[in-house]
Each structure stands twice: as structure tokens, then as C-alpha cells.
Amino acid sequence: MTHTKKERHSVKKRPPLVFIVTVIAFFVMVATMLLAVAFVYLIGRLPFFHFAPTEKTGLIFILVEFAAASILLGTVISFVIFKVSLKPLSRMIQALNRLAGGDYRTRLYFGERKAGKALADSFNTLAEELENTEMLRSDFINNFSHEFKTPIVSIYGFARLLLKGNLPEEQTKEYLTIIEQESGRLSAMATNVLNLTKVENQNILTNVTRFNLSEQLRRCVLLLEKKWAAKNIQPSCGFSEHMVCANEELLRQVWINLLDNAIKFAPENGQINVRIYERPETIRVSIANNGPKIGERDQPRIFNKFYQGDTSHASAGTGIGLSVVKKITELHQGRVWADSTEQETVFWVELPVRLP
């Protein structure tokens, strides 16, 4: 079901919480007064209580006046007390309502007291994450639709030119090459989306075997030879033989994505270095290039789904590859992170040598 922006941001107005609680307190006191009057009236009708009718009437009148004054005073006091004590709760409810209505910039502040600060920090973190998710969703719609539309338009345009015929053989070959490349981009996007869906729905690691990690990395580098050769890059694979226990097919996706990312952002005649560092319990793989530094703002978000630091679309991509890398690494009880400086950007993958 879709909602317009106005509908999403509309919040149903409710009476203030302090008003509701005060009304409840008022009716409780009224009920208490009626019970007290009824009790006194019943007591006065018992045979061993001897009051003159006028005395009974006067006593009940005094009790009613006293009870009414108590109700009035109690209601005022309740309102003041509840207004002060429930103010943070009311603010929290109002903030939650605004958040539910789509206002993700809502923030709370309850002072520097430990409990209030912890509550406000938790709420503000939630609001910030929801705001980032909303931004990410919008960015994905814009970025993915752009990346998806561009090759389709190219394929359509060049296919129409080829259908017209009467083109020189060299031009025909050029157009067919472009169609092949754009079809490959579409295929890669579809594959990445399917891989992400697959690993996101997988919580148990299966098909774990012991294999040669060094050989797998060399094969992945060779598989991308066309890409790094086109930019005159000479990869450096300085490592000996290392074994690891893992899902070989899933781990292959990790290296392909990281190597492809390194090639994409490496400059012409640049460098790519692949290293392996083995410890008693863990094994680390580093894939580095001498491309541009990842911005400070982008570094914490590069592993988010569909996030792209390059909003200009100067380089092809959908922001899916690194999300796949992170999920596969976590399935292997490992971790992945990036270190980026002006001179070098390094992606690290740490895995246990043996899975329990």
C-alpha cells in the first residue's frame, strides 16, 4: 500500500497525557467520595447511632463539602504533579508520533542526568538510523534506476541503428561491442542483487571445505585480467601458500568484489597489492590500491546496502558488492573493514583459520 508524503507525515492528534491522567484521578476521587458518603449514610441509619434528622443532614452536608473541596484540591495537585512528572514521557510520546509520521529529524534532550541522557541518546540513535535508512532508500531508487536505465537505453539505441542496416562493418562491430558491454553490466547488476538476496537469507554456513586460499586469490586476479589490463595495472600478489576452512564459492565472491572495487578506483598505470597474513587462529587478506581516499563521511557507510560514495555516477556500480562482502564475512565469523589515506586504500578481511 502506498502513501502520499502528506499522509505519511500526518499524525493523529490525541489529548495530552497529563490531561488524561488528571481526568482519571478526578473520577477516582469522585468515586471515592461517593463511596464515603454512602458509607456514612449507611452508618447513620444503624439503630445504635442516634442522631436527630437535622444532625444527620448537617453531618452529611459537611462531609459532602469536605469531599468536594478535597476533590477540587486533589485534582489541582494531581494536575501539577502529573504535569511535571509526566512531561518527559509526554515529550517521548510526541517525538515517537512524529517519528512514526516520517519526521526522522526529530531529536530529544532530557538534560545531563544519567537516566534521561541514556534514554535521549537511545532515541536519537534510533531516529538517526531511520533517517539514514530513508536517505539510503531514496539514494537507491535514484542510483539504481540510473544505473539500470543507462545500459537499457544504450542497448535499445544501438540495436535500432543496427536494424536500419547499411552500416560499415567496423561501425557495426563497434555497436555490437557496446551492446555486449552494456548487457554485461545488466547481468552483473542482476547477479549482485541475487547474491545479496541469497546471503541475506542465509544464517547457517554450509559446504565448508579446506582449500588453498592463495590459489583462489590468484585465480580471482586472473579472472579480472581484462579489467586491470585495460588500465595498465600490474597486480602484485606477494604471498606464499595458505589454507583455510570456508565455503569456497562464497569466499570467491568476496575476492571478486574487492578486487573489482580496487581495479575500478585505481588510476591508470596504478597499483593493486594483494597480501595474506596468517596467525595461529586467524588469517587476514589485504587488497590495496593507490586510488583516491574514501571520504571520512563515507567510510562508516561503504558496507551499507546500495550506498554509493560516488553520486556523480562517474564509475559504474550499484553499491551492492561491499554489502555482499560484509554478509559473507560475517557468515564465516570474520570481519571486514577499510583503511584509507591519501596514498592508499586497503580493504582487510579477517577470517578464522578453522571454523568451530
Protein backbone atom coordinates (compact mmCIF):
# COMPACT_ATOMS: atom_id res chain seq x y z
CA MET A 1 0.00 0.00 0.00
CA THR A 2 1.41 3.40 -0.97
CA HIS A 3 1.01 6.62 0.97
CA THR A 4 1.45 10.20 -0.10
CA LYS A 5 4.01 12.37 1.67
CA LYS A 6 1.22 14.32 3.39
CA GLU A 7 -0.36 11.10 4.67
CA ARG A 8 2.96 9.79 5.95
CA HIS A 9 3.69 12.94 7.91
CA SER A 10 0.22 13.34 9.37
CA VAL A 11 -0.05 12.30 12.99
CA LYS A 12 -3.39 11.71 14.65
CA LYS A 13 -3.91 14.27 17.39
CA ARG A 14 -4.52 12.84 20.85
CA PRO A 15 -5.34 14.58 24.15
CA PRO A 16 -2.25 15.41 26.26
CA LEU A 17 -1.20 12.61 28.57
CA VAL A 18 -1.35 14.84 31.66
CA PHE A 19 -4.99 15.71 30.86
CA ILE A 20 -5.93 12.03 30.52
CA VAL A 21 -4.23 11.09 33.81
CA THR A 22 -5.79 14.09 35.65
CA VAL A 23 -9.28 13.14 34.42
CA ILE A 24 -8.71 9.57 35.59
CA ALA A 25 -7.58 10.88 39.01
CA PHE A 26 -10.66 13.14 39.18
CA PHE A 27 -13.07 10.27 38.56
CA VAL A 28 -11.22 8.08 41.07
CA MET A 29 -11.62 10.78 43.71
CA VAL A 30 -15.30 11.30 42.83
CA ALA A 31 -15.90 7.57 43.13
CA THR A 32 -14.08 7.56 46.47
CA MET A 33 -16.22 10.47 47.71
CA LEU A 34 -19.45 8.76 46.71
CA LEU A 35 -18.37 5.60 48.49
CA ALA A 36 -17.50 7.63 51.61
CA VAL A 37 -20.87 9.46 51.58
CA ALA A 38 -22.73 6.18 51.06
CA PHE A 39 -20.76 4.60 53.92
CA VAL A 40 -21.57 7.49 56.29
CA TYR A 41 -25.22 7.43 55.25
CA LEU A 42 -25.50 3.70 55.91
CA ILE A 43 -23.73 4.05 59.25
CA GLY A 44 -26.17 6.80 60.22
CA ARG A 45 -29.14 4.51 59.58
CA LEU A 46 -27.92 1.85 62.00
CA PRO A 47 -30.07 1.62 65.19
CA PHE A 48 -27.24 2.16 67.69
CA PHE A 49 -26.42 5.57 66.13
CA HIS A 50 -28.88 8.14 67.41
CA PHE A 51 -28.74 11.39 65.50
CA ALA A 52 -31.53 13.87 65.06
CA PRO A 53 -32.61 14.29 61.43
CA THR A 54 -31.17 17.77 61.35
CA GLU A 55 -27.89 16.49 62.81
CA LYS A 56 -27.71 13.76 60.17
CA THR A 57 -28.39 16.25 57.40
CA GLY A 58 -25.80 18.66 58.75
CA LEU A 59 -23.19 15.89 59.10
CA ILE A 60 -23.76 14.65 55.54
CA PHE A 61 -23.63 18.23 54.23
CA ILE A 62 -20.31 18.85 55.99
CA LEU A 63 -18.91 15.59 54.64
CA VAL A 64 -20.05 16.47 51.11
CA GLU A 65 -18.45 19.91 51.35
CA PHE A 66 -15.24 18.41 52.69
CA ALA A 67 -15.20 15.77 49.96
CA ALA A 68 -15.89 18.33 47.22
CA ALA A 69 -13.08 20.55 48.49
CA SER A 70 -10.78 17.52 48.65
CA ILE A 71 -11.66 16.58 45.08
CA LEU A 72 -11.01 20.09 43.80
CA LEU A 73 -7.74 20.45 45.67
CA GLY A 74 -6.67 16.89 44.80
CA THR A 75 -7.41 17.45 41.12
CA VAL A 76 -5.32 20.64 41.04
CA ILE A 77 -2.46 18.99 42.92
CA SER A 78 -2.68 15.91 40.65
CA PHE A 79 -2.55 18.10 37.56
CA VAL A 80 0.57 19.93 38.77
CA ILE A 81 2.33 16.75 39.89
CA PHE A 82 1.46 14.81 36.74
CA LYS A 83 2.38 17.76 34.52
CA VAL A 84 5.89 17.82 36.00
CA SER A 85 6.46 14.08 36.36
CA LEU A 86 4.91 13.05 33.03
CA LYS A 87 6.45 15.83 30.97
CA PRO A 88 9.40 13.67 29.74
CA LEU A 89 7.01 10.83 28.92
CA SER A 90 4.72 13.21 27.02
CA ARG A 91 7.68 14.55 25.06
CA MET A 92 8.76 10.99 24.29
CA ILE A 93 5.27 10.06 23.03
CA GLN A 94 5.06 13.19 20.89
CA ALA A 95 8.52 12.50 19.46
CA LEU A 96 7.59 8.89 18.70
CA ASN A 97 4.42 10.09 16.95
CA ARG A 98 6.46 12.49 14.81
CA LEU A 99 8.91 9.70 14.06
CA ALA A 100 6.07 7.38 13.07
CA GLY A 101 4.76 10.14 10.82
CA GLY A 102 8.03 10.28 8.89
CA ASP A 103 9.78 13.20 10.61
CA TYR A 104 13.14 11.44 11.05
CA ARG A 105 14.90 14.65 12.11
CA THR A 106 13.14 14.56 15.48
CA ARG A 107 15.58 14.64 18.40
CA LEU A 108 15.17 14.58 22.21
CA TYR A 109 17.15 16.10 25.08
CA PHE A 110 16.42 15.36 28.76
CA GLY A 111 19.38 17.08 30.37
CA GLU A 112 22.61 15.57 31.63
CA ARG A 113 21.19 13.19 34.23
CA LYS A 114 22.29 9.64 33.57
CA ALA A 115 18.85 8.05 33.03
CA GLY A 116 17.48 10.93 30.92
CA LYS A 117 20.64 11.19 28.85
CA ALA A 118 20.70 7.42 28.17
CA LEU A 119 17.03 7.50 27.08
CA ALA A 120 17.57 10.53 24.83
CA ASP A 121 20.72 9.02 23.30
CA SER A 122 18.90 5.77 22.50
CA PHE A 123 16.00 7.63 20.89
CA ASN A 124 18.29 9.95 18.92
CA THR A 125 20.32 6.98 17.68
CA LEU A 126 17.11 5.29 16.52
CA ALA A 127 15.95 8.48 14.77
CA GLU A 128 19.35 8.92 13.10
CA GLU A 129 19.39 5.34 11.84
CA LEU A 130 15.86 5.71 10.46
CA GLU A 131 16.87 8.97 8.78
CA ASN A 132 19.90 7.27 7.22
CA THR A 133 17.73 4.36 6.09
CA GLU A 134 15.26 6.74 4.46
CA MET A 135 18.10 8.60 2.74
CA LEU A 136 19.58 5.27 1.66
CA ARG A 137 16.24 4.18 0.22
CA SER A 138 15.91 7.41 -1.74
CA ASP A 139 19.52 7.19 -2.92
CA PHE A 140 18.98 3.59 -4.01
CA ILE A 141 15.90 4.48 -6.05
CA ASN A 142 17.82 7.29 -7.76
CA ASN A 143 21.13 5.47 -8.19
CA PHE A 144 19.85 2.04 -9.12
CA SER A 145 17.26 3.37 -11.55
CA HIS A 146 20.01 5.44 -13.19
CA GLU A 147 22.43 2.52 -13.40
CA PHE A 148 19.69 0.21 -14.68
CA LYS A 149 18.27 2.63 -17.23
CA THR A 150 21.57 3.68 -18.84
CA PRO A 151 22.54 0.28 -20.35
CA ILE A 152 18.96 -0.40 -21.45
CA VAL A 153 18.83 2.92 -23.33
CA SER A 154 22.21 2.18 -24.92
CA ILE A 155 21.20 -1.32 -25.99
CA TYR A 156 17.91 -0.05 -27.38
CA GLY A 157 19.54 2.80 -29.30
CA PHE A 158 22.34 0.81 -30.87
CA ALA A 159 20.04 -2.12 -31.67
CA ARG A 160 17.78 0.26 -33.62
CA LEU A 161 20.77 1.60 -35.55
CA LEU A 162 21.85 -1.95 -36.42
CA LEU A 163 18.33 -2.83 -37.58
CA LYS A 164 18.41 0.02 -40.07
CA GLY A 165 21.36 -1.67 -41.77
CA ASN A 166 23.71 -0.14 -44.36
CA LEU A 167 26.40 0.41 -41.72
CA PRO A 168 30.13 -0.11 -42.31
CA GLU A 169 31.49 -3.35 -40.88
CA GLU A 170 33.77 -1.50 -38.44
CA GLN A 171 30.86 0.58 -37.08
CA THR A 172 28.64 -2.49 -36.82
CA LYS A 173 31.34 -4.24 -34.80
CA GLU A 174 31.69 -1.19 -32.53
CA TYR A 175 27.94 -1.07 -31.88
CA LEU A 176 27.82 -4.80 -31.16
CA THR A 177 30.70 -4.41 -28.71
CA ILE A 178 28.82 -1.65 -26.88
CA ILE A 179 25.68 -3.84 -26.72
CA GLU A 180 27.79 -6.68 -25.33
CA GLN A 181 29.33 -4.43 -22.66
CA GLU A 182 26.01 -2.92 -21.60
CA SER A 183 24.41 -6.39 -21.46
CA GLY A 184 27.27 -7.45 -19.22
CA ARG A 185 26.57 -4.51 -16.90
CA LEU A 186 22.92 -5.53 -16.63
CA SER A 187 23.91 -9.13 -15.98
CA ALA A 188 26.38 -8.06 -13.27
CA MET A 189 23.74 -5.92 -11.56
CA ALA A 190 21.20 -8.74 -11.59
CA THR A 191 23.82 -11.18 -10.27
CA ASN A 192 24.80 -8.86 -7.41
CA VAL A 193 21.18 -8.35 -6.37
CA LEU A 194 20.56 -12.11 -6.43
CA ASN A 195 23.77 -12.76 -4.46
CA LEU A 196 22.77 -10.19 -1.85
CA THR A 197 19.29 -11.70 -1.51
CA LYS A 198 20.79 -15.16 -1.20
CA VAL A 199 23.35 -14.37 1.51
CA GLU A 200 20.96 -12.14 3.47
CA ASN A 201 18.54 -15.04 3.83
CA GLN A 202 21.33 -17.42 4.85
CA ASN A 203 22.10 -17.76 8.55
CA ILE A 204 23.92 -21.10 8.58
CA LEU A 205 27.19 -21.61 6.70
CA THR A 206 27.16 -24.81 4.64
CA ASN A 207 29.54 -26.60 2.25
CA VAL A 208 32.59 -25.74 4.34
CA THR A 209 35.79 -27.31 3.00
CA ARG A 210 39.53 -26.87 3.48
CA PHE A 211 41.17 -25.38 0.40
CA ASN A 212 44.13 -23.33 -0.79
CA LEU A 213 43.27 -19.67 -0.20
CA SER A 214 46.35 -18.44 -2.06
CA GLU A 215 45.40 -20.32 -5.22
CA GLN A 216 41.83 -18.99 -5.02
CA LEU A 217 43.09 -15.40 -4.84
CA ARG A 218 45.42 -15.93 -7.82
CA ARG A 219 42.54 -17.29 -9.90
CA CYS A 220 40.32 -14.35 -8.98
CA VAL A 221 43.06 -11.94 -10.07
CA LEU A 222 43.42 -13.76 -13.40
CA LEU A 223 39.64 -13.79 -13.85
CA LEU A 224 39.67 -9.97 -13.82
CA GLU A 225 42.70 -9.68 -16.13
CA LYS A 226 40.73 -7.91 -18.84
CA LYS A 227 39.77 -5.13 -16.44
CA TRP A 228 43.17 -4.47 -14.87
CA ALA A 229 44.98 -4.86 -18.19
CA ALA A 230 42.73 -2.19 -19.74
CA LYS A 231 44.03 0.28 -17.13
CA ASN A 232 47.64 -0.93 -17.44
CA ILE A 233 47.66 -2.14 -13.83
CA GLN A 234 50.09 -4.82 -12.70
CA PRO A 235 48.68 -6.63 -9.63
CA SER A 236 51.18 -7.73 -7.00
CA CYS A 237 50.39 -11.00 -5.21
CA GLY A 238 53.09 -11.31 -2.59
CA PHE A 239 52.15 -14.33 -0.52
CA SER A 240 53.02 -17.98 -0.04
CA GLU A 241 50.60 -20.91 0.26
CA HIS A 242 47.88 -20.64 2.91
CA MET A 243 44.98 -22.96 3.69
CA VAL A 244 41.60 -22.02 5.11
CA CYS A 245 38.31 -23.69 6.10
CA ALA A 246 35.39 -21.89 4.44
CA ASN A 247 32.67 -22.02 1.82
CA GLU A 248 34.80 -21.78 -1.31
CA GLU A 249 32.11 -20.37 -3.61
CA LEU A 250 31.01 -17.67 -1.16
CA LEU A 251 34.57 -16.64 -0.38
CA ARG A 252 35.27 -16.37 -4.10
CA GLN A 253 32.54 -13.70 -4.30
CA VAL A 254 34.33 -11.74 -1.57
CA TRP A 255 37.63 -11.60 -3.50
CA ILE A 256 35.94 -10.86 -6.84
CA ASN A 257 34.00 -7.94 -5.35
CA LEU A 258 37.00 -6.48 -3.51
CA LEU A 259 39.37 -6.88 -6.46
CA ASP A 260 36.83 -5.42 -8.88
CA ASN A 261 36.34 -2.48 -6.50
CA ALA A 262 40.12 -1.97 -6.23
CA ILE A 263 40.52 -2.00 -10.03
CA LYS A 264 37.60 0.38 -10.54
CA PHE A 265 39.05 3.06 -8.26
CA ALA A 266 42.72 2.57 -9.13
CA PRO A 267 44.14 5.19 -11.51
CA GLU A 268 45.61 4.43 -14.94
CA ASN A 269 49.02 2.74 -14.52
CA GLY A 270 48.10 2.30 -10.84
CA GLN A 271 48.93 -0.42 -8.36
CA ILE A 272 46.98 -3.23 -6.70
CA ASN A 273 48.61 -5.24 -3.92
CA VAL A 274 47.19 -8.46 -2.50
CA ARG A 275 48.69 -9.83 0.72
CA ILE A 276 47.96 -12.67 3.16
CA TYR A 277 48.95 -12.60 6.83
CA GLU A 278 48.42 -15.80 8.83
CA ARG A 279 48.23 -16.01 12.60
CA PRO A 280 47.64 -19.04 14.83
CA GLU A 281 43.85 -18.53 14.97
CA THR A 282 43.07 -16.10 12.15
CA ILE A 283 44.10 -15.27 8.62
CA ARG A 284 44.00 -11.77 7.12
CA VAL A 285 43.79 -10.78 3.48
CA SER A 286 44.50 -7.22 2.37
CA ILE A 287 43.62 -5.81 -1.04
CA ALA A 288 45.05 -2.33 -1.60
CA ASN A 289 45.17 0.23 -4.38
CA ASN A 290 46.62 3.72 -4.76
CA GLY A 291 43.31 5.28 -5.72
CA PRO A 292 41.59 8.29 -4.12
CA LYS A 293 40.94 8.41 -0.40
CA ILE A 294 37.50 7.35 0.82
CA GLY A 295 35.89 10.38 2.47
CA GLU A 296 35.54 10.49 6.25
CA ARG A 297 31.76 10.73 5.88
CA ASP A 298 31.64 7.74 3.53
CA GLN A 299 33.91 5.33 5.42
CA PRO A 300 31.34 4.23 8.07
CA ARG A 301 28.69 3.67 5.36
CA ILE A 302 30.50 1.93 2.49
CA PHE A 303 29.30 -1.50 3.60
CA ASN A 304 25.63 -0.40 3.73
CA LYS A 305 23.31 -1.80 1.09
CA PHE A 306 23.07 0.31 -2.06
CA TYR A 307 25.30 3.05 -0.66
CA GLN A 308 27.48 4.82 -3.23
CA GLY A 309 30.03 7.45 -2.31
CA ASP A 310 30.24 8.43 -5.98
CA THR A 311 26.91 10.18 -6.52
CA SER A 312 28.01 11.54 -9.90
CA HIS A 313 27.81 8.03 -11.45
CA ALA A 314 31.26 8.57 -12.95
CA SER A 315 32.01 4.92 -12.18
CA ALA A 316 29.65 2.02 -12.72
CA GLY A 317 28.20 0.33 -9.68
CA THR A 318 25.11 -0.17 -7.55
CA GLY A 319 26.55 -0.23 -4.02
CA ILE A 320 25.78 -3.93 -3.57
CA GLY A 321 29.19 -5.58 -3.78
CA LEU A 322 30.58 -4.47 -0.42
CA SER A 323 27.31 -5.41 1.32
CA VAL A 324 27.72 -8.93 -0.06
CA VAL A 325 31.33 -8.96 1.17
CA LYS A 326 30.30 -7.95 4.69
CA LYS A 327 27.49 -10.51 4.95
CA ILE A 328 29.64 -13.40 3.66
CA THR A 329 32.48 -12.44 6.02
CA GLU A 330 30.09 -12.37 8.99
CA LEU A 331 28.72 -15.78 7.98
CA HIS A 332 32.31 -17.04 8.31
CA GLN A 333 32.51 -15.45 11.80
CA GLY A 334 35.00 -12.94 10.44
CA ARG A 335 35.09 -9.19 9.90
CA VAL A 336 35.87 -6.71 7.15
CA TRP A 337 36.99 -3.09 7.33
CA ALA A 338 38.78 -0.43 5.31
CA ASP A 339 41.72 1.89 5.97
CA SER A 340 42.01 4.82 3.60
CA THR A 341 44.64 7.56 3.30
CA GLU A 342 45.70 9.94 0.56
CA GLN A 343 48.33 7.41 -0.54
CA GLU A 344 46.50 4.10 -0.29
CA THR A 345 43.14 2.45 0.37
CA VAL A 346 43.25 -1.02 1.93
CA PHE A 347 40.35 -3.42 2.46
CA TRP A 348 41.01 -6.02 5.15
CA VAL A 349 39.24 -9.35 5.58
CA GLU A 350 39.91 -11.37 8.72
CA LEU A 351 38.72 -14.98 8.90
CA PRO A 352 39.20 -17.82 11.39
CA VAL A 353 41.65 -20.42 10.14
CA ARG A 354 39.28 -23.14 11.30
CA LEU A 355 35.57 -22.83 11.88
CA PRO A 356 34.20 -24.45 15.09
